[in-house]
Amino acid sequence: MPDLADPTPVRPRRPRGRVGAYVALTKPRVMELLLLTTAPTMVLARGGLPDLASIGITLIGGAASSGSAAVFNMYFDRDLDAQMNRTRNRPIVTGEVSPRAALIFAWALAVFATAWFALLVNPLASALSIMAIVWYVVIYTLILKRRTTQNIVWGGLAGCFPVVIAWAAETNSMGAPALVLFLVVFFWTPAHYWPLSVRYADDYRRAGVPMLGAVRTPVQVASSVLGYAVVTVACALALIPVAGMGAVYSAAATLGGGWFVWHAWRYQSATRSGEAENARPMRVFAASNVYLAILFISVAVDTLVLP
């Protein structure tokens, strides 16, 4: 079990206010993945534009589910967060929110998300939401994160659940296209996060967290990023025959995927040759965000333009 001793409070960089502190606990930037993947997946599942109320209901439930997992994560990782410059201003570490209050908030969000999906969407979406929270909190936070370099690979499965929840919300079932998109996000996550772990390698070493960027050589990390980027693009291309995607998506998946892989390849080549100018992991991190946005936007556009 992780060390749950309360860390020494650290002065926050800026005043947040009570509401702002609770919002920060939910990791709102992580929710961007939810917003980015949910609505396009619902469009694909419907084969057209879903009822806007349905999209809103699904997004609210997903935000509560994602927020619950994030708050649980901050509660259990508060000792680590206090040791890392990137996280030392999180609300529990600074004392803006007490650990007890955060734990109550996490449970409240989890109960709300579960009931919201069960009552307003369907039991399958509710069950998938529970699985996402449990996976992120138990499998990733409590079991994998502090023990293995594979933490973000298997722990990252939690970030794949929004697409299957979205599909279930629209169809009350699981479908092959949803599983393909699930795999896209699964393989994208390490390619996206490992460059960031290089950027914050000193933080992870200080906290004793074996993120790949902190415990492997730059060449090893870059090679792993490239490999996962290639598989991500291959999965994205597989959606074309599986879901009968048209020209808009095909072009985005091919050209956007090639651009993403090129960034990963450039990073790997630079680390092998020692070219500091091009060995910039955050370029790959930024490219991964742009690629995923292009890909999912094209899912919706392709479905709506070419029904």
C-alpha atoms as a PDB file:
ATOM      1  CA  MET A   1       0.000   0.000   0.000  1.00  0.00           C
ATOM      2  CA  PRO A   2       1.195   3.540  -0.636  1.00  0.00           C
ATOM      3  CA  ASP A   3       2.323   5.724   2.207  1.00  0.00           C
ATOM      4  CA  LEU A   4      -0.759   7.706   3.199  1.00  0.00           C
ATOM      5  CA  ALA A   5       0.980   9.999   5.679  1.00  0.00           C
ATOM      6  CA  ASP A   6      -0.170  13.573   5.159  1.00  0.00           C
ATOM      7  CA  PRO A   7       2.550  15.576   3.411  1.00  0.00           C
ATOM      8  CA  THR A   8       3.689  18.947   4.674  1.00  0.00           C
ATOM      9  CA  PRO A   9       1.478  21.639   3.089  1.00  0.00           C
ATOM     10  CA  VAL A  10       3.072  23.686   0.330  1.00  0.00           C
ATOM     11  CA  ARG A  11       1.993  27.250  -0.416  1.00  0.00           C
ATOM     12  CA  PRO A  12      -0.090  27.316  -3.640  1.00  0.00           C
ATOM     13  CA  ARG A  13       1.115  29.363  -6.593  1.00  0.00           C
ATOM     14  CA  ARG A  14      -2.161  31.284  -6.808  1.00  0.00           C
ATOM     15  CA  PRO A  15      -5.301  31.505  -4.688  1.00  0.00           C
ATOM     16  CA  ARG A  16      -8.039  29.268  -6.051  1.00  0.00           C
ATOM     17  CA  GLY A  17     -10.935  29.690  -3.679  1.00  0.00           C
ATOM     18  CA  ARG A  18     -12.883  26.771  -2.278  1.00  0.00           C
ATOM     19  CA  VAL A  19     -14.820  25.974  -5.444  1.00  0.00           C
ATOM     20  CA  GLY A  20     -11.698  26.267  -7.571  1.00  0.00           C
ATOM     21  CA  ALA A  21      -9.854  23.868  -5.272  1.00  0.00           C
ATOM     22  CA  TYR A  22     -12.547  21.222  -5.629  1.00  0.00           C
ATOM     23  CA  VAL A  23     -12.624  21.697  -9.397  1.00  0.00           C
ATOM     24  CA  ALA A  24      -8.841  21.281  -9.502  1.00  0.00           C
ATOM     25  CA  LEU A  25      -9.197  17.959  -7.660  1.00  0.00           C
ATOM     26  CA  THR A  26     -11.124  16.549 -10.628  1.00  0.00           C
ATOM     27  CA  LYS A  27      -8.221  17.167 -13.037  1.00  0.00           C
ATOM     28  CA  PRO A  28     -10.299  19.166 -15.540  1.00  0.00           C
ATOM     29  CA  ARG A  29      -7.581  18.974 -18.193  1.00  0.00           C
ATOM     30  CA  VAL A  30      -7.808  15.183 -18.122  1.00  0.00           C
ATOM     31  CA  MET A  31     -11.532  15.574 -18.810  1.00  0.00           C
ATOM     32  CA  GLU A  32     -10.613  17.015 -22.195  1.00  0.00           C
ATOM     33  CA  LEU A  33     -10.076  13.441 -23.379  1.00  0.00           C
ATOM     34  CA  LEU A  34     -13.622  12.640 -22.276  1.00  0.00           C
ATOM     35  CA  LEU A  35     -15.055  15.595 -24.172  1.00  0.00           C
ATOM     36  CA  LEU A  36     -12.908  14.833 -27.191  1.00  0.00           C
ATOM     37  CA  THR A  37     -13.886  11.190 -27.556  1.00  0.00           C
ATOM     38  CA  THR A  38     -17.425  10.923 -26.220  1.00  0.00           C
ATOM     39  CA  ALA A  39     -19.499  13.035 -28.612  1.00  0.00           C
ATOM     40  CA  PRO A  40     -17.845  11.782 -31.849  1.00  0.00           C
ATOM     41  CA  THR A  41     -18.259   8.184 -30.711  1.00  0.00           C
ATOM     42  CA  MET A  42     -21.951   8.806 -30.047  1.00  0.00           C
ATOM     43  CA  VAL A  43     -22.290  10.311 -33.531  1.00  0.00           C
ATOM     44  CA  LEU A  44     -20.700   7.208 -35.041  1.00  0.00           C
ATOM     45  CA  ALA A  45     -22.886   4.889 -32.970  1.00  0.00           C
ATOM     46  CA  ARG A  46     -26.046   6.707 -34.062  1.00  0.00           C
ATOM     47  CA  GLY A  47     -24.925   7.077 -37.679  1.00  0.00           C
ATOM     48  CA  GLY A  48     -25.878  10.736 -37.443  1.00  0.00           C
ATOM     49  CA  LEU A  49     -26.388  13.497 -34.916  1.00  0.00           C
ATOM     50  CA  PRO A  50     -27.707  12.147 -31.594  1.00  0.00           C
ATOM     51  CA  ASP A  51     -30.162  14.047 -29.467  1.00  0.00           C
ATOM     52  CA  LEU A  52     -28.188  16.900 -27.895  1.00  0.00           C
ATOM     53  CA  ALA A  53     -29.745  16.148 -24.524  1.00  0.00           C
ATOM     54  CA  SER A  54     -28.378  12.605 -24.737  1.00  0.00           C
ATOM     55  CA  ILE A  55     -24.904  13.937 -25.455  1.00  0.00           C
ATOM     56  CA  GLY A  56     -25.158  16.343 -22.535  1.00  0.00           C
ATOM     57  CA  ILE A  57     -26.387  13.659 -20.143  1.00  0.00           C
ATOM     58  CA  THR A  58     -23.576  11.320 -21.163  1.00  0.00           C
ATOM     59  CA  LEU A  59     -20.961  14.063 -20.816  1.00  0.00           C
ATOM     60  CA  ILE A  60     -22.198  15.015 -17.336  1.00  0.00           C
ATOM     61  CA  GLY A  61     -22.089  11.413 -16.169  1.00  0.00           C
ATOM     62  CA  GLY A  62     -18.684  10.907 -17.741  1.00  0.00           C
ATOM     63  CA  ALA A  63     -17.328  14.079 -16.148  1.00  0.00           C
ATOM     64  CA  ALA A  64     -18.511  12.923 -12.721  1.00  0.00           C
ATOM     65  CA  SER A  65     -16.993   9.471 -13.257  1.00  0.00           C
ATOM     66  CA  SER A  66     -13.683  10.881 -14.476  1.00  0.00           C
ATOM     67  CA  GLY A  67     -13.649  13.452 -11.692  1.00  0.00           C
ATOM     68  CA  SER A  68     -14.260  10.794  -9.052  1.00  0.00           C
ATOM     69  CA  ALA A  69     -11.316   8.720 -10.274  1.00  0.00           C
ATOM     70  CA  ALA A  70      -9.094  11.804 -10.304  1.00  0.00           C
ATOM     71  CA  VAL A  71      -9.985  12.783  -6.745  1.00  0.00           C
ATOM     72  CA  PHE A  72      -9.390   9.247  -5.479  1.00  0.00           C
ATOM     73  CA  ASN A  73      -6.034   9.340  -7.277  1.00  0.00           C
ATOM     74  CA  MET A  74      -5.029  12.605  -5.612  1.00  0.00           C
ATOM     75  CA  TYR A  75      -6.116  11.259  -2.231  1.00  0.00           C
ATOM     76  CA  PHE A  76      -3.979   8.117  -2.452  1.00  0.00           C
ATOM     77  CA  ASP A  77      -1.048   9.832  -4.179  1.00  0.00           C
ATOM     78  CA  ARG A  78      -0.822  12.897  -1.951  1.00  0.00           C
ATOM     79  CA  ASP A  79       2.516  11.746  -0.538  1.00  0.00           C
ATOM     80  CA  LEU A  80       3.955  11.481  -4.051  1.00  0.00           C
ATOM     81  CA  ASP A  81       2.400  14.753  -5.168  1.00  0.00           C
ATOM     82  CA  ALA A  82       4.153  16.593  -2.338  1.00  0.00           C
ATOM     83  CA  GLN A  83       7.538  15.463  -3.679  1.00  0.00           C
ATOM     84  CA  MET A  84       7.002  16.483  -7.303  1.00  0.00           C
ATOM     85  CA  ASN A  85       7.272  20.036  -8.587  1.00  0.00           C
ATOM     86  CA  ARG A  86       4.559  19.352 -11.158  1.00  0.00           C
ATOM     87  CA  THR A  87       2.014  18.295  -8.526  1.00  0.00           C
ATOM     88  CA  ARG A  88       3.075  19.936  -5.271  1.00  0.00           C
ATOM     89  CA  ASN A  89       0.385  22.621  -5.645  1.00  0.00           C
ATOM     90  CA  ARG A  90      -2.520  20.193  -5.839  1.00  0.00           C
ATOM     91  CA  PRO A  91      -5.287  21.066  -3.344  1.00  0.00           C
ATOM     92  CA  ILE A  92      -4.748  18.228  -0.870  1.00  0.00           C
ATOM     93  CA  VAL A  93      -1.006  18.862  -0.726  1.00  0.00           C
ATOM     94  CA  THR A  94      -1.467  22.589  -0.134  1.00  0.00           C
ATOM     95  CA  GLY A  95      -4.088  22.017   2.534  1.00  0.00           C
ATOM     96  CA  GLU A  96      -6.841  23.800   0.569  1.00  0.00           C
ATOM     97  CA  VAL A  97      -8.887  20.589   0.798  1.00  0.00           C
ATOM     98  CA  SER A  98      -8.418  18.102   3.630  1.00  0.00           C
ATOM     99  CA  PRO A  99      -7.835  14.421   2.775  1.00  0.00           C
ATOM    100  CA  ARG A 100     -11.106  13.514   4.503  1.00  0.00           C
ATOM    101  CA  ALA A 101     -13.089  16.092   2.535  1.00  0.00           C
ATOM    102  CA  ALA A 102     -11.465  14.939  -0.699  1.00  0.00           C
ATOM    103  CA  LEU A 103     -12.341  11.315   0.027  1.00  0.00           C
ATOM    104  CA  ILE A 104     -15.967  12.224   0.699  1.00  0.00           C
ATOM    105  CA  PHE A 105     -16.035  14.240  -2.534  1.00  0.00           C
ATOM    106  CA  ALA A 106     -14.602  11.311  -4.500  1.00  0.00           C
ATOM    107  CA  TRP A 107     -17.244   8.924  -3.186  1.00  0.00           C
ATOM    108  CA  ALA A 108     -20.001  11.450  -3.810  1.00  0.00           C
ATOM    109  CA  LEU A 109     -18.967  11.851  -7.439  1.00  0.00           C
ATOM    110  CA  ALA A 110     -18.740   8.071  -7.874  1.00  0.00           C
ATOM    111  CA  VAL A 111     -22.216   7.508  -6.442  1.00  0.00           C
ATOM    112  CA  PHE A 112     -23.631  10.357  -8.522  1.00  0.00           C
ATOM    113  CA  ALA A 113     -22.079   9.064 -11.758  1.00  0.00           C
ATOM    114  CA  THR A 114     -23.285   5.516 -11.126  1.00  0.00           C
ATOM    115  CA  ALA A 115     -26.854   6.595 -10.338  1.00  0.00           C
ATOM    116  CA  TRP A 116     -26.896   9.166 -13.167  1.00  0.00           C
ATOM    117  CA  PHE A 117     -25.957   6.608 -15.802  1.00  0.00           C
ATOM    118  CA  ALA A 118     -28.258   3.936 -14.355  1.00  0.00           C
ATOM    119  CA  LEU A 119     -31.307   6.208 -14.195  1.00  0.00           C
ATOM    120  CA  LEU A 120     -30.846   8.467 -17.216  1.00  0.00           C
ATOM    121  CA  VAL A 121     -28.807   6.356 -19.650  1.00  0.00           C
ATOM    122  CA  ASN A 122     -28.718   2.576 -19.130  1.00  0.00           C
ATOM    123  CA  PRO A 123     -27.263  -0.047 -16.758  1.00  0.00           C
ATOM    124  CA  LEU A 124     -24.465  -0.963 -19.184  1.00  0.00           C
ATOM    125  CA  ALA A 125     -23.119   2.584 -19.231  1.00  0.00           C
ATOM    126  CA  SER A 126     -23.364   2.667 -15.440  1.00  0.00           C
ATOM    127  CA  ALA A 127     -21.423  -0.604 -15.108  1.00  0.00           C
ATOM    128  CA  LEU A 128     -18.720   0.630 -17.486  1.00  0.00           C
ATOM    129  CA  SER A 129     -18.405   3.838 -15.471  1.00  0.00           C
ATOM    130  CA  ILE A 130     -17.848   1.806 -12.296  1.00  0.00           C
ATOM    131  CA  MET A 131     -15.235  -0.298 -14.080  1.00  0.00           C
ATOM    132  CA  ALA A 132     -13.400   2.839 -15.237  1.00  0.00           C
ATOM    133  CA  ILE A 133     -13.231   4.264 -11.710  1.00  0.00           C
ATOM    134  CA  VAL A 134     -12.125   0.964 -10.163  1.00  0.00           C
ATOM    135  CA  TRP A 135      -9.504   0.423 -12.849  1.00  0.00           C
ATOM    136  CA  TYR A 136      -7.950   3.866 -12.443  1.00  0.00           C
ATOM    137  CA  VAL A 137      -8.008   3.865  -8.659  1.00  0.00           C
ATOM    138  CA  VAL A 138      -7.218   0.245  -7.796  1.00  0.00           C
ATOM    139  CA  ILE A 139      -5.316  -1.147 -10.772  1.00  0.00           C
ATOM    140  CA  TYR A 140      -3.383   1.973 -11.757  1.00  0.00           C
ATOM    141  CA  THR A 141      -3.063   4.109  -8.609  1.00  0.00           C
ATOM    142  CA  LEU A 142      -2.785   1.470  -5.899  1.00  0.00           C
ATOM    143  CA  ILE A 143      -1.200  -1.478  -7.711  1.00  0.00           C
ATOM    144  CA  LEU A 144       0.739  -0.484 -10.834  1.00  0.00           C
ATOM    145  CA  LYS A 145       1.908   3.105 -10.550  1.00  0.00           C
ATOM    146  CA  ARG A 146       4.562   2.591  -7.882  1.00  0.00           C
ATOM    147  CA  ARG A 147       5.690  -0.853  -9.001  1.00  0.00           C
ATOM    148  CA  THR A 148       6.240  -1.127 -12.762  1.00  0.00           C
ATOM    149  CA  THR A 149       7.192   0.787 -15.883  1.00  0.00           C
ATOM    150  CA  GLN A 150       4.074  -0.722 -17.440  1.00  0.00           C
ATOM    151  CA  ASN A 151       1.945   1.417 -15.124  1.00  0.00           C
ATOM    152  CA  ILE A 152       0.731   3.814 -17.778  1.00  0.00           C
ATOM    153  CA  VAL A 153       0.201   1.042 -20.349  1.00  0.00           C
ATOM    154  CA  TRP A 154      -2.298  -0.995 -18.356  1.00  0.00           C
ATOM    155  CA  GLY A 155      -3.388   1.782 -16.037  1.00  0.00           C
ATOM    156  CA  GLY A 156      -4.175   3.847 -19.109  1.00  0.00           C
ATOM    157  CA  LEU A 157      -7.039   1.484 -19.888  1.00  0.00           C
ATOM    158  CA  ALA A 158      -9.176   3.702 -17.672  1.00  0.00           C
ATOM    159  CA  GLY A 159      -8.845   6.483 -20.222  1.00  0.00           C
ATOM    160  CA  CYS A 160     -10.254   4.206 -22.914  1.00  0.00           C
ATOM    161  CA  PHE A 161     -13.607   3.742 -21.196  1.00  0.00           C
ATOM    162  CA  PRO A 162     -15.232   6.996 -22.400  1.00  0.00           C
ATOM    163  CA  VAL A 163     -15.528   5.608 -25.938  1.00  0.00           C
ATOM    164  CA  VAL A 164     -17.260   2.395 -24.874  1.00  0.00           C
ATOM    165  CA  ILE A 165     -19.459   4.303 -22.424  1.00  0.00           C
ATOM    166  CA  ALA A 166     -20.438   6.652 -25.243  1.00  0.00           C
ATOM    167  CA  TRP A 167     -21.229   3.737 -27.550  1.00  0.00           C
ATOM    168  CA  ALA A 168     -23.223   1.994 -24.816  1.00  0.00           C
ATOM    169  CA  ALA A 169     -25.107   5.209 -24.058  1.00  0.00           C
ATOM    170  CA  GLU A 170     -26.286   5.387 -27.657  1.00  0.00           C
ATOM    171  CA  THR A 171     -26.857   1.692 -28.421  1.00  0.00           C
ATOM    172  CA  ASN A 172     -27.084  -0.069 -25.035  1.00  0.00           C
ATOM    173  CA  SER A 173     -24.558  -2.539 -26.419  1.00  0.00           C
ATOM    174  CA  MET A 174     -20.908  -2.982 -27.334  1.00  0.00           C
ATOM    175  CA  GLY A 175     -19.872  -2.819 -30.968  1.00  0.00           C
ATOM    176  CA  ALA A 176     -16.771  -3.553 -33.004  1.00  0.00           C
ATOM    177  CA  PRO A 177     -16.175   0.126 -33.916  1.00  0.00           C
ATOM    178  CA  ALA A 178     -16.220   1.038 -30.208  1.00  0.00           C
ATOM    179  CA  LEU A 179     -13.660  -1.668 -29.469  1.00  0.00           C
ATOM    180  CA  VAL A 180     -11.404  -0.379 -32.262  1.00  0.00           C
ATOM    181  CA  LEU A 181     -11.588   3.155 -30.849  1.00  0.00           C
ATOM    182  CA  PHE A 182     -10.914   1.691 -27.404  1.00  0.00           C
ATOM    183  CA  LEU A 183      -7.703   0.190 -28.785  1.00  0.00           C
ATOM    184  CA  VAL A 184      -6.760   3.464 -30.476  1.00  0.00           C
ATOM    185  CA  VAL A 185      -6.865   5.283 -27.128  1.00  0.00           C
ATOM    186  CA  PHE A 186      -5.160   2.347 -25.379  1.00  0.00           C
ATOM    187  CA  PHE A 187      -2.096   2.399 -27.646  1.00  0.00           C
ATOM    188  CA  TRP A 188      -2.117   6.189 -27.948  1.00  0.00           C
ATOM    189  CA  THR A 189      -1.840   6.697 -24.178  1.00  0.00           C
ATOM    190  CA  PRO A 190       1.775   5.471 -23.700  1.00  0.00           C
ATOM    191  CA  ALA A 191       2.908   7.235 -26.874  1.00  0.00           C
ATOM    192  CA  HIS A 192       1.293  10.381 -25.492  1.00  0.00           C
ATOM    193  CA  TYR A 193       2.422  10.121 -21.858  1.00  0.00           C
ATOM    194  CA  TRP A 194       5.944   8.724 -22.049  1.00  0.00           C
ATOM    195  CA  PRO A 195       7.367  11.900 -23.657  1.00  0.00           C
ATOM    196  CA  LEU A 196       5.814  13.845 -20.772  1.00  0.00           C
ATOM    197  CA  SER A 197       7.469  11.444 -18.322  1.00  0.00           C
ATOM    198  CA  VAL A 198      10.829  12.363 -19.875  1.00  0.00           C
ATOM    199  CA  ARG A 199      10.092  16.031 -19.310  1.00  0.00           C
ATOM    200  CA  TYR A 200       9.353  15.349 -15.624  1.00  0.00           C
ATOM    201  CA  ALA A 201      11.839  12.520 -15.109  1.00  0.00           C
ATOM    202  CA  ASP A 202      13.499  14.214 -12.122  1.00  0.00           C
ATOM    203  CA  ASP A 203      10.140  14.531 -10.402  1.00  0.00           C
ATOM    204  CA  TYR A 204       9.367  10.846 -10.857  1.00  0.00           C
ATOM    205  CA  ARG A 205      12.831   9.796  -9.674  1.00  0.00           C
ATOM    206  CA  ARG A 206      12.478  11.970  -6.578  1.00  0.00           C
ATOM    207  CA  ALA A 207       9.127  10.372  -5.774  1.00  0.00           C
ATOM    208  CA  GLY A 208      10.319   6.862  -6.636  1.00  0.00           C
ATOM    209  CA  VAL A 209       7.730   6.316  -9.370  1.00  0.00           C
ATOM    210  CA  PRO A 210       9.057   4.068 -12.174  1.00  0.00           C
ATOM    211  CA  MET A 211       7.648   5.973 -15.136  1.00  0.00           C
ATOM    212  CA  LEU A 212       9.452   4.911 -18.283  1.00  0.00           C
ATOM    213  CA  GLY A 213      11.011   8.321 -18.879  1.00  0.00           C
ATOM    214  CA  ALA A 214      12.573   8.262 -15.425  1.00  0.00           C
ATOM    215  CA  VAL A 215      14.094   4.777 -15.475  1.00  0.00           C
ATOM    216  CA  ARG A 216      15.030   4.100 -19.111  1.00  0.00           C
ATOM    217  CA  THR A 217      17.493   5.731 -21.469  1.00  0.00           C
ATOM    218  CA  PRO A 218      16.231   8.386 -23.904  1.00  0.00           C
ATOM    219  CA  VAL A 219      16.768   5.974 -26.805  1.00  0.00           C
ATOM    220  CA  GLN A 220      14.723   3.249 -25.125  1.00  0.00           C
ATOM    221  CA  VAL A 221      11.895   5.663 -24.358  1.00  0.00           C
ATOM    222  CA  ALA A 222      11.873   7.111 -27.872  1.00  0.00           C
ATOM    223  CA  SER A 223      11.837   3.638 -29.435  1.00  0.00           C
ATOM    224  CA  SER A 224       8.876   2.637 -27.261  1.00  0.00           C
ATOM    225  CA  VAL A 225       7.030   5.833 -28.167  1.00  0.00           C
ATOM    226  CA  LEU A 226       7.571   5.179 -31.867  1.00  0.00           C
ATOM    227  CA  GLY A 227       6.357   1.589 -31.574  1.00  0.00           C
ATOM    228  CA  TYR A 228       3.161   2.569 -29.804  1.00  0.00           C
ATOM    229  CA  ALA A 229       2.562   5.432 -32.230  1.00  0.00           C
ATOM    230  CA  VAL A 230       2.748   3.036 -35.179  1.00  0.00           C
ATOM    231  CA  VAL A 231       0.305   0.593 -33.570  1.00  0.00           C
ATOM    232  CA  THR A 232      -2.033   3.475 -32.673  1.00  0.00           C
ATOM    233  CA  VAL A 233      -2.192   4.579 -36.293  1.00  0.00           C
ATOM    234  CA  ALA A 234      -2.699   0.992 -37.469  1.00  0.00           C
ATOM    235  CA  CYS A 235      -5.695   0.651 -35.131  1.00  0.00           C
ATOM    236  CA  ALA A 236      -7.097   3.963 -36.346  1.00  0.00           C
ATOM    237  CA  LEU A 237      -6.838   2.773 -39.953  1.00  0.00           C
ATOM    238  CA  ALA A 238      -8.617  -0.458 -38.992  1.00  0.00           C
ATOM    239  CA  LEU A 239     -11.728   1.586 -38.232  1.00  0.00           C
ATOM    240  CA  ILE A 240     -12.128   2.304 -41.959  1.00  0.00           C
ATOM    241  CA  PRO A 241     -13.259  -1.216 -42.909  1.00  0.00           C
ATOM    242  CA  VAL A 242     -14.781  -2.026 -39.525  1.00  0.00           C
ATOM    243  CA  ALA A 243     -17.110   0.995 -39.440  1.00  0.00           C
ATOM    244  CA  GLY A 244     -17.286   1.737 -43.156  1.00  0.00           C
ATOM    245  CA  MET A 245     -15.652   5.142 -42.755  1.00  0.00           C
ATOM    246  CA  GLY A 246     -15.499   7.483 -45.700  1.00  0.00           C
ATOM    247  CA  ALA A 247     -13.031   9.844 -47.340  1.00  0.00           C
ATOM    248  CA  VAL A 248     -12.912  12.441 -44.561  1.00  0.00           C
ATOM    249  CA  TYR A 249     -11.907   9.997 -41.866  1.00  0.00           C
ATOM    250  CA  SER A 250      -9.657   7.989 -44.192  1.00  0.00           C
ATOM    251  CA  ALA A 251      -7.694  11.114 -45.097  1.00  0.00           C
ATOM    252  CA  ALA A 252      -7.437  12.259 -41.465  1.00  0.00           C
ATOM    253  CA  ALA A 253      -6.377   8.824 -40.213  1.00  0.00           C
ATOM    254  CA  THR A 254      -3.781   8.435 -42.967  1.00  0.00           C
ATOM    255  CA  LEU A 255      -2.301  11.925 -43.132  1.00  0.00           C
ATOM    256  CA  GLY A 256      -2.700  12.708 -39.430  1.00  0.00           C
ATOM    257  CA  GLY A 257      -1.330   9.310 -38.509  1.00  0.00           C
ATOM    258  CA  GLY A 258       1.648   9.743 -40.798  1.00  0.00           C
ATOM    259  CA  TRP A 259       2.344  13.138 -39.260  1.00  0.00           C
ATOM    260  CA  PHE A 260       2.160  11.709 -35.721  1.00  0.00           C
ATOM    261  CA  VAL A 261       4.458   8.802 -36.573  1.00  0.00           C
ATOM    262  CA  TRP A 262       6.873  11.207 -38.277  1.00  0.00           C
ATOM    263  CA  HIS A 263       7.170  13.206 -35.049  1.00  0.00           C
ATOM    264  CA  ALA A 264       7.804  10.011 -33.074  1.00  0.00           C
ATOM    265  CA  TRP A 265      10.341   8.796 -35.651  1.00  0.00           C
ATOM    266  CA  ARG A 266      12.107  12.159 -35.646  1.00  0.00           C
ATOM    267  CA  TYR A 267      12.331  12.025 -31.856  1.00  0.00           C
ATOM    268  CA  GLN A 268      13.742   8.510 -31.928  1.00  0.00           C
ATOM    269  CA  SER A 269      16.270   9.354 -34.647  1.00  0.00           C
ATOM    270  CA  ALA A 270      17.409  12.439 -32.751  1.00  0.00           C
ATOM    271  CA  THR A 271      17.946  10.525 -29.510  1.00  0.00           C
ATOM    272  CA  ARG A 272      19.970   7.873 -31.331  1.00  0.00           C
ATOM    273  CA  SER A 273      22.207  10.419 -33.022  1.00  0.00           C
ATOM    274  CA  GLY A 274      22.422  12.813 -30.088  1.00  0.00           C
ATOM    275  CA  GLU A 275      20.782  15.728 -31.911  1.00  0.00           C
ATOM    276  CA  ALA A 276      19.612  17.844 -28.994  1.00  0.00           C
ATOM    277  CA  GLU A 277      17.766  20.251 -31.301  1.00  0.00           C
ATOM    278  CA  ASN A 278      15.311  17.575 -32.451  1.00  0.00           C
ATOM    279  CA  ALA A 279      15.301  15.334 -29.372  1.00  0.00           C
ATOM    280  CA  ARG A 280      12.413  17.200 -27.811  1.00  0.00           C
ATOM    281  CA  PRO A 281       9.877  14.848 -26.254  1.00  0.00           C
ATOM    282  CA  MET A 282       7.304  17.588 -25.701  1.00  0.00           C
ATOM    283  CA  ARG A 283       6.981  17.987 -29.456  1.00  0.00           C
ATOM    284  CA  VAL A 284       5.752  14.407 -29.605  1.00  0.00           C
ATOM    285  CA  PHE A 285       3.463  15.058 -26.638  1.00  0.00           C
ATOM    286  CA  ALA A 286       1.913  18.044 -28.408  1.00  0.00           C
ATOM    287  CA  ALA A 287       1.644  16.150 -31.693  1.00  0.00           C
ATOM    288  CA  SER A 288      -0.147  13.284 -29.962  1.00  0.00           C
ATOM    289  CA  ASN A 289      -2.811  15.683 -28.664  1.00  0.00           C
ATOM    290  CA  VAL A 290      -3.347  17.245 -32.075  1.00  0.00           C
ATOM    291  CA  TYR A 291      -3.497  13.839 -33.751  1.00  0.00           C
ATOM    292  CA  LEU A 292      -6.150  12.474 -31.395  1.00  0.00           C
ATOM    293  CA  ALA A 293      -8.231  15.623 -31.765  1.00  0.00           C
ATOM    294  CA  ILE A 294      -8.064  15.438 -35.561  1.00  0.00           C
ATOM    295  CA  LEU A 295      -8.916  11.748 -35.539  1.00  0.00           C
ATOM    296  CA  PHE A 296     -12.044  11.985 -33.381  1.00  0.00           C
ATOM    297  CA  ILE A 297     -13.293  15.185 -34.986  1.00  0.00           C
ATOM    298  CA  SER A 298     -12.995  13.430 -38.338  1.00  0.00           C
ATOM    299  CA  VAL A 299     -15.072  10.533 -36.975  1.00  0.00           C
ATOM    300  CA  ALA A 300     -17.961  12.928 -36.354  1.00  0.00           C
ATOM    301  CA  VAL A 301     -17.502  14.942 -39.559  1.00  0.00           C
ATOM    302  CA  ASP A 302     -17.223  11.833 -41.720  1.00  0.00           C
ATOM    303  CA  THR A 303     -20.387  10.353 -40.204  1.00  0.00           C
ATOM    304  CA  LEU A 304     -22.397  13.572 -40.489  1.00  0.00           C
ATOM    305  CA  VAL A 305     -21.194  14.620 -43.942  1.00  0.00           C
ATOM    306  CA  LEU A 306     -21.294  11.176 -45.496  1.00  0.00           C
ATOM    307  CA  PRO A 307     -24.106   9.314 -43.730  1.00  0.00           C
END
